[in-house]
Amino acid sequence: MSNSTQKRELLVALDAEFADKIDQLTDNWTEAIEQVLRLWYANQIEDKLRNFYQNRSQEDIEFEEEWATFAQEQME
């Protein structure tokens, strides 16, 4: 993550009742939305990684197991 403090303005439209509920919880919409989007982003990355590992071929799994065994033996 960059240490940059640059911000980009966005226009977001929300259901009015939901927005009222959020107003009751925070005075800082920018921080709240940024936290939510960071969580969403992390979940997207996690889902992509999970999908990748769940859909590996048997050949890839066997290669990884052989490589892990070889690396372990070399460390010993």
N, C-alpha and C. Protein backbone atom coordinates (compact mmCIF):
# COMPACT_ATOMS: atom_id res chain seq x y z
N MET A 1 0.84 -1.18 0.00
CA MET A 1 0.00 0.00 0.00
C MET A 1 0.88 1.23 0.00
N SER A 2 0.49 2.21 -0.74
CA SER A 2 1.25 3.45 -0.86
C SER A 2 1.07 4.33 0.37
N ASN A 3 2.10 5.10 0.68
CA ASN A 3 2.00 6.05 1.79
C ASN A 3 1.42 7.38 1.32
N SER A 4 1.00 7.44 0.09
CA SER A 4 0.45 8.66 -0.47
C SER A 4 -0.81 9.08 0.27
N THR A 5 -0.96 10.39 0.45
CA THR A 5 -2.15 10.90 1.12
C THR A 5 -3.13 11.47 0.12
N GLN A 6 -2.91 11.26 -1.16
CA GLN A 6 -3.83 11.76 -2.17
C GLN A 6 -5.16 11.04 -2.04
N LYS A 7 -6.21 11.78 -2.20
CA LYS A 7 -7.55 11.23 -2.15
C LYS A 7 -8.26 11.53 -3.46
N ARG A 8 -9.17 10.68 -3.83
CA ARG A 8 -9.99 10.90 -5.01
C ARG A 8 -11.44 11.03 -4.57
N GLU A 9 -12.11 12.06 -5.03
CA GLU A 9 -13.51 12.24 -4.67
C GLU A 9 -14.38 11.34 -5.52
N LEU A 10 -15.38 10.75 -4.87
CA LEU A 10 -16.33 9.88 -5.55
C LEU A 10 -17.74 10.32 -5.18
N LEU A 11 -18.64 10.08 -6.07
CA LEU A 11 -20.05 10.35 -5.80
C LEU A 11 -20.71 8.99 -5.59
N VAL A 12 -21.32 8.81 -4.42
CA VAL A 12 -21.95 7.54 -4.07
C VAL A 12 -23.41 7.81 -3.71
N ALA A 13 -24.29 7.02 -4.28
CA ALA A 13 -25.72 7.15 -3.96
C ALA A 13 -26.14 5.94 -3.14
N LEU A 14 -26.76 6.19 -1.99
CA LEU A 14 -27.20 5.12 -1.10
C LEU A 14 -28.68 5.28 -0.80
N ASP A 15 -29.30 4.20 -0.43
CA ASP A 15 -30.66 4.23 0.06
C ASP A 15 -30.73 5.20 1.24
N ALA A 16 -31.70 6.07 1.26
CA ALA A 16 -31.80 7.13 2.28
C ALA A 16 -31.89 6.57 3.69
N GLU A 17 -32.70 5.53 3.89
CA GLU A 17 -32.83 4.95 5.23
C GLU A 17 -31.51 4.35 5.70
N PHE A 18 -30.82 3.69 4.79
CA PHE A 18 -29.53 3.11 5.14
C PHE A 18 -28.53 4.21 5.48
N ALA A 19 -28.52 5.28 4.69
CA ALA A 19 -27.62 6.41 4.96
C ALA A 19 -27.90 7.02 6.32
N ASP A 20 -29.17 7.10 6.70
CA ASP A 20 -29.51 7.63 8.03
C ASP A 20 -28.93 6.75 9.13
N LYS A 21 -28.96 5.44 8.93
CA LYS A 21 -28.39 4.51 9.91
C LYS A 21 -26.88 4.70 10.03
N ILE A 22 -26.23 4.90 8.89
CA ILE A 22 -24.79 5.12 8.90
C ILE A 22 -24.47 6.44 9.60
N ASP A 23 -25.27 7.45 9.37
CA ASP A 23 -25.09 8.75 10.04
C ASP A 23 -25.10 8.60 11.55
N GLN A 24 -25.88 7.67 12.06
CA GLN A 24 -25.95 7.45 13.51
C GLN A 24 -24.67 6.83 14.05
N LEU A 25 -23.88 6.21 13.17
CA LEU A 25 -22.68 5.51 13.62
C LEU A 25 -21.38 6.29 13.38
N THR A 26 -21.40 7.22 12.45
CA THR A 26 -20.15 7.93 12.16
C THR A 26 -20.42 9.35 11.68
N ASP A 27 -19.47 10.21 11.99
CA ASP A 27 -19.47 11.57 11.45
C ASP A 27 -18.49 11.68 10.29
N ASN A 28 -17.75 10.60 10.06
CA ASN A 28 -16.70 10.61 9.04
C ASN A 28 -17.01 9.57 7.97
N TRP A 29 -17.81 9.97 7.01
CA TRP A 29 -18.19 9.06 5.93
C TRP A 29 -16.99 8.60 5.12
N THR A 30 -16.04 9.48 4.90
CA THR A 30 -14.86 9.12 4.11
C THR A 30 -14.13 7.95 4.75
N GLU A 31 -13.88 8.04 6.04
CA GLU A 31 -13.19 6.96 6.74
C GLU A 31 -14.01 5.67 6.71
N ALA A 32 -15.31 5.80 6.95
CA ALA A 32 -16.17 4.61 6.97
C ALA A 32 -16.18 3.92 5.61
N ILE A 33 -16.33 4.67 4.55
CA ILE A 33 -16.37 4.09 3.21
C ILE A 33 -15.01 3.49 2.85
N GLU A 34 -13.94 4.17 3.22
CA GLU A 34 -12.61 3.64 2.91
C GLU A 34 -12.38 2.32 3.65
N GLN A 35 -12.79 2.23 4.90
CA GLN A 35 -12.64 0.97 5.65
C GLN A 35 -13.45 -0.15 5.00
N VAL A 36 -14.65 0.16 4.62
CA VAL A 36 -15.50 -0.84 3.97
C VAL A 36 -14.88 -1.33 2.67
N LEU A 37 -14.39 -0.40 1.87
CA LEU A 37 -13.78 -0.79 0.59
C LEU A 37 -12.49 -1.57 0.79
N ARG A 38 -11.73 -1.25 1.82
CA ARG A 38 -10.52 -2.03 2.10
C ARG A 38 -10.89 -3.47 2.48
N LEU A 39 -11.93 -3.62 3.28
CA LEU A 39 -12.39 -4.97 3.63
C LEU A 39 -12.90 -5.71 2.40
N TRP A 40 -13.67 -5.03 1.58
CA TRP A 40 -14.19 -5.63 0.34
C TRP A 40 -13.03 -6.07 -0.55
N TYR A 41 -12.03 -5.20 -0.70
CA TYR A 41 -10.87 -5.51 -1.54
C TYR A 41 -10.13 -6.74 -1.01
N ALA A 42 -9.90 -6.79 0.29
CA ALA A 42 -9.21 -7.93 0.89
C ALA A 42 -10.01 -9.22 0.66
N ASN A 43 -11.32 -9.14 0.77
CA ASN A 43 -12.16 -10.32 0.52
C ASN A 43 -12.08 -10.76 -0.93
N GLN A 44 -12.01 -9.81 -1.85
CA GLN A 44 -11.90 -10.16 -3.27
C GLN A 44 -10.59 -10.90 -3.55
N ILE A 45 -9.50 -10.40 -2.97
CA ILE A 45 -8.20 -11.05 -3.15
C ILE A 45 -8.23 -12.45 -2.53
N GLU A 46 -8.79 -12.55 -1.34
CA GLU A 46 -8.89 -13.85 -0.67
C GLU A 46 -9.71 -14.83 -1.51
N ASP A 47 -10.81 -14.37 -2.08
CA ASP A 47 -11.64 -15.23 -2.93
C ASP A 47 -10.87 -15.69 -4.16
N LYS A 48 -10.10 -14.80 -4.77
CA LYS A 48 -9.31 -15.17 -5.94
C LYS A 48 -8.24 -16.21 -5.59
N LEU A 49 -7.58 -16.02 -4.45
CA LEU A 49 -6.58 -16.99 -4.02
C LEU A 49 -7.21 -18.35 -3.72
N ARG A 50 -8.33 -18.33 -3.01
CA ARG A 50 -9.04 -19.58 -2.69
C ARG A 50 -9.43 -20.30 -3.97
N ASN A 51 -9.99 -19.55 -4.92
CA ASN A 51 -10.39 -20.12 -6.19
C ASN A 51 -9.20 -20.73 -6.93
N PHE A 52 -8.08 -20.02 -6.93
CA PHE A 52 -6.88 -20.52 -7.60
C PHE A 52 -6.44 -21.86 -6.99
N TYR A 53 -6.34 -21.90 -5.66
CA TYR A 53 -5.85 -23.11 -5.01
C TYR A 53 -6.85 -24.26 -5.08
N GLN A 54 -8.13 -23.96 -5.10
CA GLN A 54 -9.14 -25.02 -5.18
C GLN A 54 -9.23 -25.61 -6.58
N ASN A 55 -8.75 -24.90 -7.58
CA ASN A 55 -8.88 -25.35 -8.96
C ASN A 55 -7.57 -25.77 -9.59
N ARG A 56 -6.57 -26.06 -8.75
CA ARG A 56 -5.30 -26.54 -9.29
C ARG A 56 -5.46 -27.95 -9.85
N SER A 57 -4.66 -28.25 -10.85
CA SER A 57 -4.68 -29.60 -11.41
C SER A 57 -3.96 -30.56 -10.47
N GLN A 58 -4.25 -31.83 -10.61
CA GLN A 58 -3.57 -32.84 -9.79
C GLN A 58 -2.07 -32.80 -10.06
N GLU A 59 -1.71 -32.55 -11.30
CA GLU A 59 -0.29 -32.44 -11.66
C GLU A 59 0.39 -31.31 -10.89
N ASP A 60 -0.27 -30.16 -10.78
CA ASP A 60 0.29 -29.03 -10.04
C ASP A 60 0.43 -29.37 -8.55
N ILE A 61 -0.58 -30.02 -8.00
CA ILE A 61 -0.54 -30.39 -6.58
C ILE A 61 0.62 -31.34 -6.31
N GLU A 62 0.80 -32.33 -7.16
CA GLU A 62 1.90 -33.28 -6.98
C GLU A 62 3.25 -32.59 -7.11
N PHE A 63 3.39 -31.68 -8.08
CA PHE A 63 4.64 -30.93 -8.23
C PHE A 63 4.94 -30.12 -6.97
N GLU A 64 3.93 -29.45 -6.43
CA GLU A 64 4.12 -28.65 -5.22
C GLU A 64 4.52 -29.51 -4.04
N GLU A 65 3.92 -30.70 -3.93
CA GLU A 65 4.28 -31.61 -2.84
C GLU A 65 5.72 -32.10 -2.99
N GLU A 66 6.11 -32.42 -4.23
CA GLU A 66 7.50 -32.85 -4.46
C GLU A 66 8.47 -31.72 -4.14
N TRP A 67 8.14 -30.52 -4.54
CA TRP A 67 9.01 -29.38 -4.28
C TRP A 67 9.12 -29.11 -2.78
N ALA A 68 8.02 -29.21 -2.06
CA ALA A 68 8.03 -28.98 -0.62
C ALA A 68 8.89 -30.04 0.07
N THR A 69 8.78 -31.29 -0.36
CA THR A 69 9.58 -32.37 0.21
C THR A 69 11.07 -32.12 -0.05
N PHE A 70 11.40 -31.75 -1.28
CA PHE A 70 12.79 -31.45 -1.65
C PHE A 70 13.33 -30.29 -0.80
N ALA A 71 12.56 -29.22 -0.67
CA ALA A 71 13.01 -28.06 0.10
C ALA A 71 13.22 -28.44 1.57
N GLN A 72 12.31 -29.23 2.12
CA GLN A 72 12.45 -29.67 3.52
C GLN A 72 13.72 -30.50 3.70
N GLU A 73 13.96 -31.39 2.77
CA GLU A 73 15.18 -32.22 2.84
C GLU A 73 16.44 -31.39 2.76
N GLN A 74 16.43 -30.36 1.94
CA GLN A 74 17.60 -29.49 1.80
C GLN A 74 17.87 -28.68 3.06
N MET A 75 16.82 -28.33 3.77
CA MET A 75 16.99 -27.55 5.00
C MET A 75 17.52 -28.43 6.12
N GLU A 76 17.24 -29.70 6.08
CA GLU A 76 17.72 -30.62 7.12
C GLU A 76 19.14 -30.97 6.83
